[in-house]
Amino acid sequence: MCLTVMVTSIKKDKPYDPACVLNVGDHEFIRHPSYMLYRMANTVFAPHVSNMVAQNYYIVRADIQQSVLERISAGLYASDNTTGVVMKYAKSVGI
């Protein structure tokens, strides 16, 4: 299984989950202040992810820095929007 969490840009005058904000420079992919969309986090089968990469639906990017991963992980637990199923999975795999 894999845990997936989308990242989306912060839009002016739109509410967002402040549990984990990513800024330009946190990763090459981040070009605007962004946040993790924990309410849409999900678990998917690893072969599905591999298939999506093979079909170019998912694009492989450079790894993120450990410190950014730690912020994303902490945000998963801090967010009021993380579902119980996702929280249970994250705890079970030591995220």
PDB file of N, CA and C in Angstrom:
ATOM      1  N   MET A   1       0.836  -1.185   0.000  1.00  0.00           N
ATOM      2  CA  MET A   1       0.000   0.000   0.000  1.00  0.00           C
ATOM      3  C   MET A   1       0.877   1.243   0.000  1.00  0.00           C
ATOM      4  N   CYS A   2       0.312   2.325  -0.516  1.00  0.00           N
ATOM      5  CA  CYS A   2       0.966   3.637  -0.511  1.00  0.00           C
ATOM      6  C   CYS A   2      -0.024   4.658   0.048  1.00  0.00           C
ATOM      7  N   LEU A   3       0.491   5.622   0.744  1.00  0.00           N
ATOM      8  CA  LEU A   3      -0.329   6.729   1.226  1.00  0.00           C
ATOM      9  C   LEU A   3      -0.132   7.891   0.265  1.00  0.00           C
ATOM     10  N   THR A   4      -1.224   8.388  -0.281  1.00  0.00           N
ATOM     11  CA  THR A   4      -1.142   9.512  -1.215  1.00  0.00           C
ATOM     12  C   THR A   4      -1.794  10.741  -0.600  1.00  0.00           C
ATOM     13  N   VAL A   5      -1.144  11.884  -0.798  1.00  0.00           N
ATOM     14  CA  VAL A   5      -1.681  13.164  -0.342  1.00  0.00           C
ATOM     15  C   VAL A   5      -1.408  14.177  -1.443  1.00  0.00           C
ATOM     16  N   MET A   6      -2.447  14.847  -1.890  1.00  0.00           N
ATOM     17  CA  MET A   6      -2.275  15.857  -2.924  1.00  0.00           C
ATOM     18  C   MET A   6      -1.761  17.159  -2.324  1.00  0.00           C
ATOM     19  N   VAL A   7      -1.069  17.905  -3.153  1.00  0.00           N
ATOM     20  CA  VAL A   7      -0.629  19.249  -2.785  1.00  0.00           C
ATOM     21  C   VAL A   7      -1.308  20.215  -3.753  1.00  0.00           C
ATOM     22  N   THR A   8      -1.769  21.331  -3.237  1.00  0.00           N
ATOM     23  CA  THR A   8      -2.479  22.299  -4.072  1.00  0.00           C
ATOM     24  C   THR A   8      -2.078  23.714  -3.689  1.00  0.00           C
ATOM     25  N   SER A   9      -2.156  24.606  -4.637  1.00  0.00           N
ATOM     26  CA  SER A   9      -1.782  26.003  -4.393  1.00  0.00           C
ATOM     27  C   SER A   9      -2.774  26.686  -3.464  1.00  0.00           C
ATOM     28  N   ILE A  10      -2.266  27.587  -2.663  1.00  0.00           N
ATOM     29  CA  ILE A  10      -3.114  28.415  -1.817  1.00  0.00           C
ATOM     30  C   ILE A  10      -3.702  29.508  -2.700  1.00  0.00           C
ATOM     31  N   LYS A  11      -5.019  29.633  -2.670  1.00  0.00           N
ATOM     32  CA  LYS A  11      -5.717  30.634  -3.469  1.00  0.00           C
ATOM     33  C   LYS A  11      -6.137  31.798  -2.575  1.00  0.00           C
ATOM     34  N   LYS A  12      -5.966  33.008  -3.071  1.00  0.00           N
ATOM     35  CA  LYS A  12      -6.343  34.197  -2.322  1.00  0.00           C
ATOM     36  C   LYS A  12      -7.835  34.133  -1.975  1.00  0.00           C
ATOM     37  N   ASP A  13      -8.147  34.464  -0.736  1.00  0.00           N
ATOM     38  CA  ASP A  13      -9.525  34.519  -0.229  1.00  0.00           C
ATOM     39  C   ASP A  13     -10.228  33.168  -0.226  1.00  0.00           C
ATOM     40  N   LYS A  14      -9.485  32.063  -0.298  1.00  0.00           N
ATOM     41  CA  LYS A  14     -10.062  30.720  -0.206  1.00  0.00           C
ATOM     42  C   LYS A  14      -9.500  30.054   1.041  1.00  0.00           C
ATOM     43  N   PRO A  15     -10.360  29.409   1.827  1.00  0.00           N
ATOM     44  CA  PRO A  15      -9.841  28.726   3.017  1.00  0.00           C
ATOM     45  C   PRO A  15      -8.952  27.548   2.623  1.00  0.00           C
ATOM     46  N   TYR A  16      -7.981  27.246   3.483  1.00  0.00           N
ATOM     47  CA  TYR A  16      -7.093  26.108   3.251  1.00  0.00           C
ATOM     48  C   TYR A  16      -6.680  25.517   4.588  1.00  0.00           C
ATOM     49  N   ASP A  17      -6.213  24.297   4.548  1.00  0.00           N
ATOM     50  CA  ASP A  17      -5.756  23.592   5.742  1.00  0.00           C
ATOM     51  C   ASP A  17      -4.331  24.059   6.068  1.00  0.00           C
ATOM     52  N   PRO A  18      -4.128  24.738   7.195  1.00  0.00           N
ATOM     53  CA  PRO A  18      -2.798  25.271   7.525  1.00  0.00           C
ATOM     54  C   PRO A  18      -1.869  24.252   8.186  1.00  0.00           C
ATOM     55  N   ALA A  19      -2.267  22.992   8.271  1.00  0.00           N
ATOM     56  CA  ALA A  19      -1.461  21.992   8.983  1.00  0.00           C
ATOM     57  C   ALA A  19      -0.073  21.813   8.375  1.00  0.00           C
ATOM     58  N   CYS A  20       0.037  21.991   7.055  1.00  0.00           N
ATOM     59  CA  CYS A  20       1.357  21.909   6.410  1.00  0.00           C
ATOM     60  C   CYS A  20       1.361  22.773   5.162  1.00  0.00           C
ATOM     61  N   VAL A  21       2.005  23.916   5.266  1.00  0.00           N
ATOM     62  CA  VAL A  21       2.150  24.827   4.124  1.00  0.00           C
ATOM     63  C   VAL A  21       3.540  24.612   3.534  1.00  0.00           C
ATOM     64  N   LEU A  22       3.583  24.493   2.211  1.00  0.00           N
ATOM     65  CA  LEU A  22       4.855  24.366   1.503  1.00  0.00           C
ATOM     66  C   LEU A  22       5.108  25.656   0.746  1.00  0.00           C
ATOM     67  N   ASN A  23       6.346  26.088   0.768  1.00  0.00           N
ATOM     68  CA  ASN A  23       6.725  27.341   0.116  1.00  0.00           C
ATOM     69  C   ASN A  23       7.658  27.081  -1.055  1.00  0.00           C
ATOM     70  N   VAL A  24       7.754  28.055  -1.925  1.00  0.00           N
ATOM     71  CA  VAL A  24       8.705  27.975  -3.025  1.00  0.00           C
ATOM     72  C   VAL A  24      10.072  27.661  -2.424  1.00  0.00           C
ATOM     73  N   GLY A  25      10.739  26.678  -2.978  1.00  0.00           N
ATOM     74  CA  GLY A  25      12.037  26.258  -2.454  1.00  0.00           C
ATOM     75  C   GLY A  25      11.979  24.988  -1.631  1.00  0.00           C
ATOM     76  N   ASP A  26      10.789  24.632  -1.134  1.00  0.00           N
ATOM     77  CA  ASP A  26      10.670  23.373  -0.387  1.00  0.00           C
ATOM     78  C   ASP A  26      10.860  22.168  -1.310  1.00  0.00           C
ATOM     79  N   HIS A  27      10.514  22.334  -2.580  1.00  0.00           N
ATOM     80  CA  HIS A  27      10.720  21.306  -3.603  1.00  0.00           C
ATOM     81  C   HIS A  27      10.644  21.988  -4.959  1.00  0.00           C
ATOM     82  N   GLU A  28      11.328  21.422  -5.938  1.00  0.00           N
ATOM     83  CA  GLU A  28      11.330  22.026  -7.281  1.00  0.00           C
ATOM     84  C   GLU A  28       9.929  22.131  -7.883  1.00  0.00           C
ATOM     85  N   PHE A  29       9.016  21.279  -7.461  1.00  0.00           N
ATOM     86  CA  PHE A  29       7.646  21.259  -7.972  1.00  0.00           C
ATOM     87  C   PHE A  29       6.814  22.421  -7.432  1.00  0.00           C
ATOM     88  N   ILE A  30       7.172  22.929  -6.263  1.00  0.00           N
ATOM     89  CA  ILE A  30       6.395  23.970  -5.600  1.00  0.00           C
ATOM     90  C   ILE A  30       6.782  25.329  -6.168  1.00  0.00           C
ATOM     91  N   ARG A  31       5.850  25.952  -6.893  1.00  0.00           N
ATOM     92  CA  ARG A  31       6.111  27.244  -7.530  1.00  0.00           C
ATOM     93  C   ARG A  31       5.290  28.375  -6.925  1.00  0.00           C
ATOM     94  N   HIS A  32       4.363  28.005  -6.026  1.00  0.00           N
ATOM     95  CA  HIS A  32       3.515  28.973  -5.331  1.00  0.00           C
ATOM     96  C   HIS A  32       3.323  28.455  -3.908  1.00  0.00           C
ATOM     97  N   PRO A  33       3.015  29.325  -2.955  1.00  0.00           N
ATOM     98  CA  PRO A  33       2.662  28.814  -1.633  1.00  0.00           C
ATOM     99  C   PRO A  33       1.542  27.781  -1.788  1.00  0.00           C
ATOM    100  N   SER A  34       1.733  26.637  -1.153  1.00  0.00           N
ATOM    101  CA  SER A  34       0.824  25.506  -1.342  1.00  0.00           C
ATOM    102  C   SER A  34       0.555  24.829  -0.008  1.00  0.00           C
ATOM    103  N   TYR A  35      -0.422  23.934  -0.010  1.00  0.00           N
ATOM    104  CA  TYR A  35      -0.718  23.189   1.204  1.00  0.00           C
ATOM    105  C   TYR A  35      -1.069  21.753   0.864  1.00  0.00           C
ATOM    106  N   MET A  36      -0.951  20.890   1.865  1.00  0.00           N
ATOM    107  CA  MET A  36      -1.281  19.482   1.697  1.00  0.00           C
ATOM    108  C   MET A  36      -2.787  19.317   1.899  1.00  0.00           C
ATOM    109  N   LEU A  37      -3.418  18.647   0.981  1.00  0.00           N
ATOM    110  CA  LEU A  37      -4.870  18.455   0.995  1.00  0.00           C
ATOM    111  C   LEU A  37      -5.176  17.138   1.723  1.00  0.00           C
ATOM    112  N   TYR A  38      -5.012  17.173   3.041  1.00  0.00           N
ATOM    113  CA  TYR A  38      -5.142  15.957   3.843  1.00  0.00           C
ATOM    114  C   TYR A  38      -6.546  15.364   3.793  1.00  0.00           C
ATOM    115  N   ARG A  39      -7.551  16.167   3.528  1.00  0.00           N
ATOM    116  CA  ARG A  39      -8.921  15.623   3.470  1.00  0.00           C
ATOM    117  C   ARG A  39      -9.094  14.674   2.300  1.00  0.00           C
ATOM    118  N   MET A  40      -8.185  14.746   1.316  1.00  0.00           N
ATOM    119  CA  MET A  40      -8.244  13.862   0.156  1.00  0.00           C
ATOM    120  C   MET A  40      -7.186  12.754   0.227  1.00  0.00           C
ATOM    121  N   ALA A  41      -6.471  12.661   1.337  1.00  0.00           N
ATOM    122  CA  ALA A  41      -5.454  11.613   1.483  1.00  0.00           C
ATOM    123  C   ALA A  41      -6.119  10.248   1.376  1.00  0.00           C
ATOM    124  N   ASN A  42      -5.372   9.300   0.835  1.00  0.00           N
ATOM    125  CA  ASN A  42      -5.945   7.991   0.584  1.00  0.00           C
ATOM    126  C   ASN A  42      -4.840   6.944   0.577  1.00  0.00           C
ATOM    127  N   THR A  43      -5.231   5.702   0.746  1.00  0.00           N
ATOM    128  CA  THR A  43      -4.295   4.602   0.574  1.00  0.00           C
ATOM    129  C   THR A  43      -4.639   3.910  -0.745  1.00  0.00           C
ATOM    130  N   VAL A  44      -3.617   3.578  -1.492  1.00  0.00           N
ATOM    131  CA  VAL A  44      -3.797   2.890  -2.768  1.00  0.00           C
ATOM    132  C   VAL A  44      -2.783   1.755  -2.852  1.00  0.00           C
ATOM    133  N   PHE A  45      -3.102   0.781  -3.669  1.00  0.00           N
ATOM    134  CA  PHE A  45      -2.188  -0.337  -3.851  1.00  0.00           C
ATOM    135  C   PHE A  45      -0.951   0.111  -4.625  1.00  0.00           C
ATOM    136  N   ALA A  46       0.208  -0.332  -4.189  1.00  0.00           N
ATOM    137  CA  ALA A  46       1.471   0.031  -4.834  1.00  0.00           C
ATOM    138  C   ALA A  46       1.486  -0.319  -6.327  1.00  0.00           C
ATOM    139  N   PRO A  47       0.954  -1.484  -6.757  1.00  0.00           N
ATOM    140  CA  PRO A  47       0.939  -1.766  -8.200  1.00  0.00           C
ATOM    141  C   PRO A  47       0.133  -0.729  -9.002  1.00  0.00           C
ATOM    142  N   HIS A  48      -0.892  -0.166  -8.381  1.00  0.00           N
ATOM    143  CA  HIS A  48      -1.666   0.887  -9.054  1.00  0.00           C
ATOM    144  C   HIS A  48      -0.782   2.115  -9.302  1.00  0.00           C
ATOM    145  N   VAL A  49      -0.015   2.499  -8.293  1.00  0.00           N
ATOM    146  CA  VAL A  49       0.886   3.648  -8.439  1.00  0.00           C
ATOM    147  C   VAL A  49       1.898   3.370  -9.551  1.00  0.00           C
ATOM    148  N   SER A  50       2.482   2.191  -9.538  1.00  0.00           N
ATOM    149  CA  SER A  50       3.443   1.821 -10.586  1.00  0.00           C
ATOM    150  C   SER A  50       2.806   1.879 -11.968  1.00  0.00           C
ATOM    151  N   ASN A  51       1.586   1.399 -12.075  1.00  0.00           N
ATOM    152  CA  ASN A  51       0.864   1.426 -13.348  1.00  0.00           C
ATOM    153  C   ASN A  51       0.613   2.861 -13.806  1.00  0.00           C
ATOM    154  N   MET A  52       0.234   3.734 -12.888  1.00  0.00           N
ATOM    155  CA  MET A  52      -0.021   5.133 -13.226  1.00  0.00           C
ATOM    156  C   MET A  52       1.262   5.838 -13.672  1.00  0.00           C
ATOM    157  N   VAL A  53       2.387   5.481 -13.064  1.00  0.00           N
ATOM    158  CA  VAL A  53       3.682   6.035 -13.472  1.00  0.00           C
ATOM    159  C   VAL A  53       4.025   5.534 -14.870  1.00  0.00           C
ATOM    160  N   ALA A  54       3.840   4.233 -15.098  1.00  0.00           N
ATOM    161  CA  ALA A  54       4.157   3.646 -16.407  1.00  0.00           C
ATOM    162  C   ALA A  54       3.332   4.273 -17.528  1.00  0.00           C
ATOM    163  N   GLN A  55       2.096   4.670 -17.208  1.00  0.00           N
ATOM    164  CA  GLN A  55       1.221   5.269 -18.208  1.00  0.00           C
ATOM    165  C   GLN A  55       1.330   6.798 -18.260  1.00  0.00           C
ATOM    166  N   ASN A  56       2.261   7.350 -17.491  1.00  0.00           N
ATOM    167  CA  ASN A  56       2.492   8.801 -17.428  1.00  0.00           C
ATOM    168  C   ASN A  56       1.312   9.596 -16.875  1.00  0.00           C
ATOM    169  N   TYR A  57       0.437   8.947 -16.108  1.00  0.00           N
ATOM    170  CA  TYR A  57      -0.600   9.687 -15.391  1.00  0.00           C
ATOM    171  C   TYR A  57      -0.005  10.330 -14.141  1.00  0.00           C
ATOM    172  N   TYR A  58       0.954   9.639 -13.518  1.00  0.00           N
ATOM    173  CA  TYR A  58       1.713  10.176 -12.399  1.00  0.00           C
ATOM    174  C   TYR A  58       3.119  10.447 -12.919  1.00  0.00           C
ATOM    175  N   ILE A  59       3.678  11.572 -12.544  1.00  0.00           N
ATOM    176  CA  ILE A  59       5.006  11.944 -13.006  1.00  0.00           C
ATOM    177  C   ILE A  59       5.986  11.854 -11.837  1.00  0.00           C
ATOM    178  N   VAL A  60       7.059  11.137 -12.048  1.00  0.00           N
ATOM    179  CA  VAL A  60       8.083  10.987 -11.012  1.00  0.00           C
ATOM    180  C   VAL A  60       8.879  12.285 -10.926  1.00  0.00           C
ATOM    181  N   ARG A  61       9.029  12.788  -9.715  1.00  0.00           N
ATOM    182  CA  ARG A  61       9.812  14.004  -9.453  1.00  0.00           C
ATOM    183  C   ARG A  61      10.962  13.658  -8.517  1.00  0.00           C
ATOM    184  N   ALA A  62      11.830  14.607  -8.304  1.00  0.00           N
ATOM    185  CA  ALA A  62      12.950  14.413  -7.372  1.00  0.00           C
ATOM    186  C   ALA A  62      12.411  14.177  -5.961  1.00  0.00           C
ATOM    187  N   ASP A  63      13.167  13.441  -5.170  1.00  0.00           N
ATOM    188  CA  ASP A  63      12.797  13.224  -3.772  1.00  0.00           C
ATOM    189  C   ASP A  63      12.766  14.556  -3.034  1.00  0.00           C
ATOM    190  N   ILE A  64      11.934  14.609  -1.995  1.00  0.00           N
ATOM    191  CA  ILE A  64      11.908  15.800  -1.156  1.00  0.00           C
ATOM    192  C   ILE A  64      12.937  15.649  -0.041  1.00  0.00           C
ATOM    193  N   GLN A  65      13.317  16.759   0.537  1.00  0.00           N
ATOM    194  CA  GLN A  65      14.252  16.732   1.658  1.00  0.00           C
ATOM    195  C   GLN A  65      13.578  16.091   2.865  1.00  0.00           C
ATOM    196  N   GLN A  66      14.362  15.441   3.689  1.00  0.00           N
ATOM    197  CA  GLN A  66      13.850  14.773   4.884  1.00  0.00           C
ATOM    198  C   GLN A  66      13.067  15.741   5.775  1.00  0.00           C
ATOM    199  N   SER A  67      13.563  16.960   5.916  1.00  0.00           N
ATOM    200  CA  SER A  67      12.889  17.936   6.789  1.00  0.00           C
ATOM    201  C   SER A  67      11.498  18.290   6.257  1.00  0.00           C
ATOM    202  N   VAL A  68      11.334  18.341   4.943  1.00  0.00           N
ATOM    203  CA  VAL A  68      10.017  18.631   4.350  1.00  0.00           C
ATOM    204  C   VAL A  68       9.100  17.439   4.559  1.00  0.00           C
ATOM    205  N   LEU A  69       9.618  16.227   4.370  1.00  0.00           N
ATOM    206  CA  LEU A  69       8.818  15.019   4.614  1.00  0.00           C
ATOM    207  C   LEU A  69       8.337  14.975   6.059  1.00  0.00           C
ATOM    208  N   GLU A  70       9.199  15.359   6.975  1.00  0.00           N
ATOM    209  CA  GLU A  70       8.817  15.378   8.391  1.00  0.00           C
ATOM    210  C   GLU A  70       7.707  16.392   8.641  1.00  0.00           C
ATOM    211  N   ARG A  71       7.742  17.547   7.985  1.00  0.00           N
ATOM    212  CA  ARG A  71       6.671  18.543   8.120  1.00  0.00           C
ATOM    213  C   ARG A  71       5.356  18.009   7.558  1.00  0.00           C
ATOM    214  N   ILE A  72       5.434  17.326   6.420  1.00  0.00           N
ATOM    215  CA  ILE A  72       4.227  16.755   5.814  1.00  0.00           C
ATOM    216  C   ILE A  72       3.636  15.687   6.725  1.00  0.00           C
ATOM    217  N   SER A  73       4.493  14.842   7.282  1.00  0.00           N
ATOM    218  CA  SER A  73       4.038  13.791   8.198  1.00  0.00           C
ATOM    219  C   SER A  73       3.411  14.388   9.454  1.00  0.00           C
ATOM    220  N   ALA A  74       4.042  15.397  10.015  1.00  0.00           N
ATOM    221  CA  ALA A  74       3.497  16.054  11.213  1.00  0.00           C
ATOM    222  C   ALA A  74       2.155  16.692  10.894  1.00  0.00           C
ATOM    223  N   GLY A  75       2.036  17.288   9.724  1.00  0.00           N
ATOM    224  CA  GLY A  75       0.777  17.902   9.319  1.00  0.00           C
ATOM    225  C   GLY A  75      -0.346  16.906   9.187  1.00  0.00           C
ATOM    226  N   LEU A  76      -0.017  15.694   8.757  1.00  0.00           N
ATOM    227  CA  LEU A  76      -1.019  14.638   8.634  1.00  0.00           C
ATOM    228  C   LEU A  76      -1.708  14.404   9.972  1.00  0.00           C
ATOM    229  N   TYR A  77      -0.918  14.387  11.040  1.00  0.00           N
ATOM    230  CA  TYR A  77      -1.472  14.175  12.381  1.00  0.00           C
ATOM    231  C   TYR A  77      -2.107  15.442  12.957  1.00  0.00           C
ATOM    232  N   ALA A  78      -1.612  16.595  12.574  1.00  0.00           N
ATOM    233  CA  ALA A  78      -2.124  17.856  13.118  1.00  0.00           C
ATOM    234  C   ALA A  78      -3.419  18.309  12.449  1.00  0.00           C
ATOM    235  N   SER A  79      -3.636  17.872  11.228  1.00  0.00           N
ATOM    236  CA  SER A  79      -4.793  18.337  10.470  1.00  0.00           C
ATOM    237  C   SER A  79      -6.101  17.786  11.020  1.00  0.00           C
ATOM    238  N   ASP A  80      -7.091  18.654  11.087  1.00  0.00           N
ATOM    239  CA  ASP A  80      -8.438  18.225  11.465  1.00  0.00           C
ATOM    240  C   ASP A  80      -9.131  17.514  10.306  1.00  0.00           C
ATOM    241  N   ASN A  81      -8.507  17.537   9.138  1.00  0.00           N
ATOM    242  CA  ASN A  81      -9.121  16.976   7.939  1.00  0.00           C
ATOM    243  C   ASN A  81      -8.646  15.569   7.585  1.00  0.00           C
ATOM    244  N   THR A  82      -7.694  15.034   8.321  1.00  0.00           N
ATOM    245  CA  THR A  82      -7.212  13.683   8.058  1.00  0.00           C
ATOM    246  C   THR A  82      -8.243  12.681   8.554  1.00  0.00           C
ATOM    247  N   THR A  83      -8.641  11.754   7.678  1.00  0.00           N
ATOM    248  CA  THR A  83      -9.654  10.765   8.055  1.00  0.00           C
ATOM    249  C   THR A  83      -9.072   9.730   9.009  1.00  0.00           C
ATOM    250  N   GLY A  84      -9.950   9.079   9.737  1.00  0.00           N
ATOM    251  CA  GLY A  84      -9.527   8.035  10.663  1.00  0.00           C
ATOM    252  C   GLY A  84      -8.829   6.878   9.974  1.00  0.00           C
ATOM    253  N   VAL A  85      -9.293   6.504   8.800  1.00  0.00           N
ATOM    254  CA  VAL A  85      -8.691   5.399   8.045  1.00  0.00           C
ATOM    255  C   VAL A  85      -7.254   5.739   7.676  1.00  0.00           C
ATOM    256  N   VAL A  86      -7.036   6.956   7.206  1.00  0.00           N
ATOM    257  CA  VAL A  86      -5.691   7.381   6.827  1.00  0.00           C
ATOM    258  C   VAL A  86      -4.805   7.476   8.064  1.00  0.00           C
ATOM    259  N   MET A  87      -5.336   8.016   9.136  1.00  0.00           N
ATOM    260  CA  MET A  87      -4.573   8.134  10.390  1.00  0.00           C
ATOM    261  C   MET A  87      -4.152   6.756  10.883  1.00  0.00           C
ATOM    262  N   LYS A  88      -5.072   5.801  10.840  1.00  0.00           N
ATOM    263  CA  LYS A  88      -4.785   4.432  11.290  1.00  0.00           C
ATOM    264  C   LYS A  88      -3.689   3.805  10.435  1.00  0.00           C
ATOM    265  N   TYR A  89      -3.776   3.990   9.123  1.00  0.00           N
ATOM    266  CA  TYR A  89      -2.759   3.445   8.234  1.00  0.00           C
ATOM    267  C   TYR A  89      -1.397   4.080   8.515  1.00  0.00           C
ATOM    268  N   ALA A  90      -1.375   5.391   8.634  1.00  0.00           N
ATOM    269  CA  ALA A  90      -0.115   6.104   8.879  1.00  0.00           C
ATOM    270  C   ALA A  90       0.549   5.598  10.164  1.00  0.00           C
ATOM    271  N   LYS A  91      -0.231   5.420  11.194  1.00  0.00           N
ATOM    272  CA  LYS A  91       0.318   4.899  12.459  1.00  0.00           C
ATOM    273  C   LYS A  91       0.827   3.486  12.296  1.00  0.00           C
ATOM    274  N   SER A  92       0.103   2.661  11.519  1.00  0.00           N
ATOM    275  CA  SER A  92       0.485   1.258  11.363  1.00  0.00           C
ATOM    276  C   SER A  92       1.802   1.067  10.617  1.00  0.00           C
ATOM    277  N   VAL A  93       2.155   2.031   9.766  1.00  0.00           N
ATOM    278  CA  VAL A  93       3.403   1.924   9.000  1.00  0.00           C
ATOM    279  C   VAL A  93       4.503   2.837   9.549  1.00  0.00           C
ATOM    280  N   GLY A  94       4.214   3.511  10.639  1.00  0.00           N
ATOM    281  CA  GLY A  94       5.230   4.323  11.299  1.00  0.00           C
ATOM    282  C   GLY A  94       5.508   5.673  10.650  1.00  0.00           C
ATOM    283  N   ILE A  95       4.510   6.227  10.028  1.00  0.00           N
ATOM    284  CA  ILE A  95       4.673   7.558   9.444  1.00  0.00           C
ATOM    285  C   ILE A  95       4.519   8.582  10.544  1.00  0.00           C
TER     286      ILE A  95
END
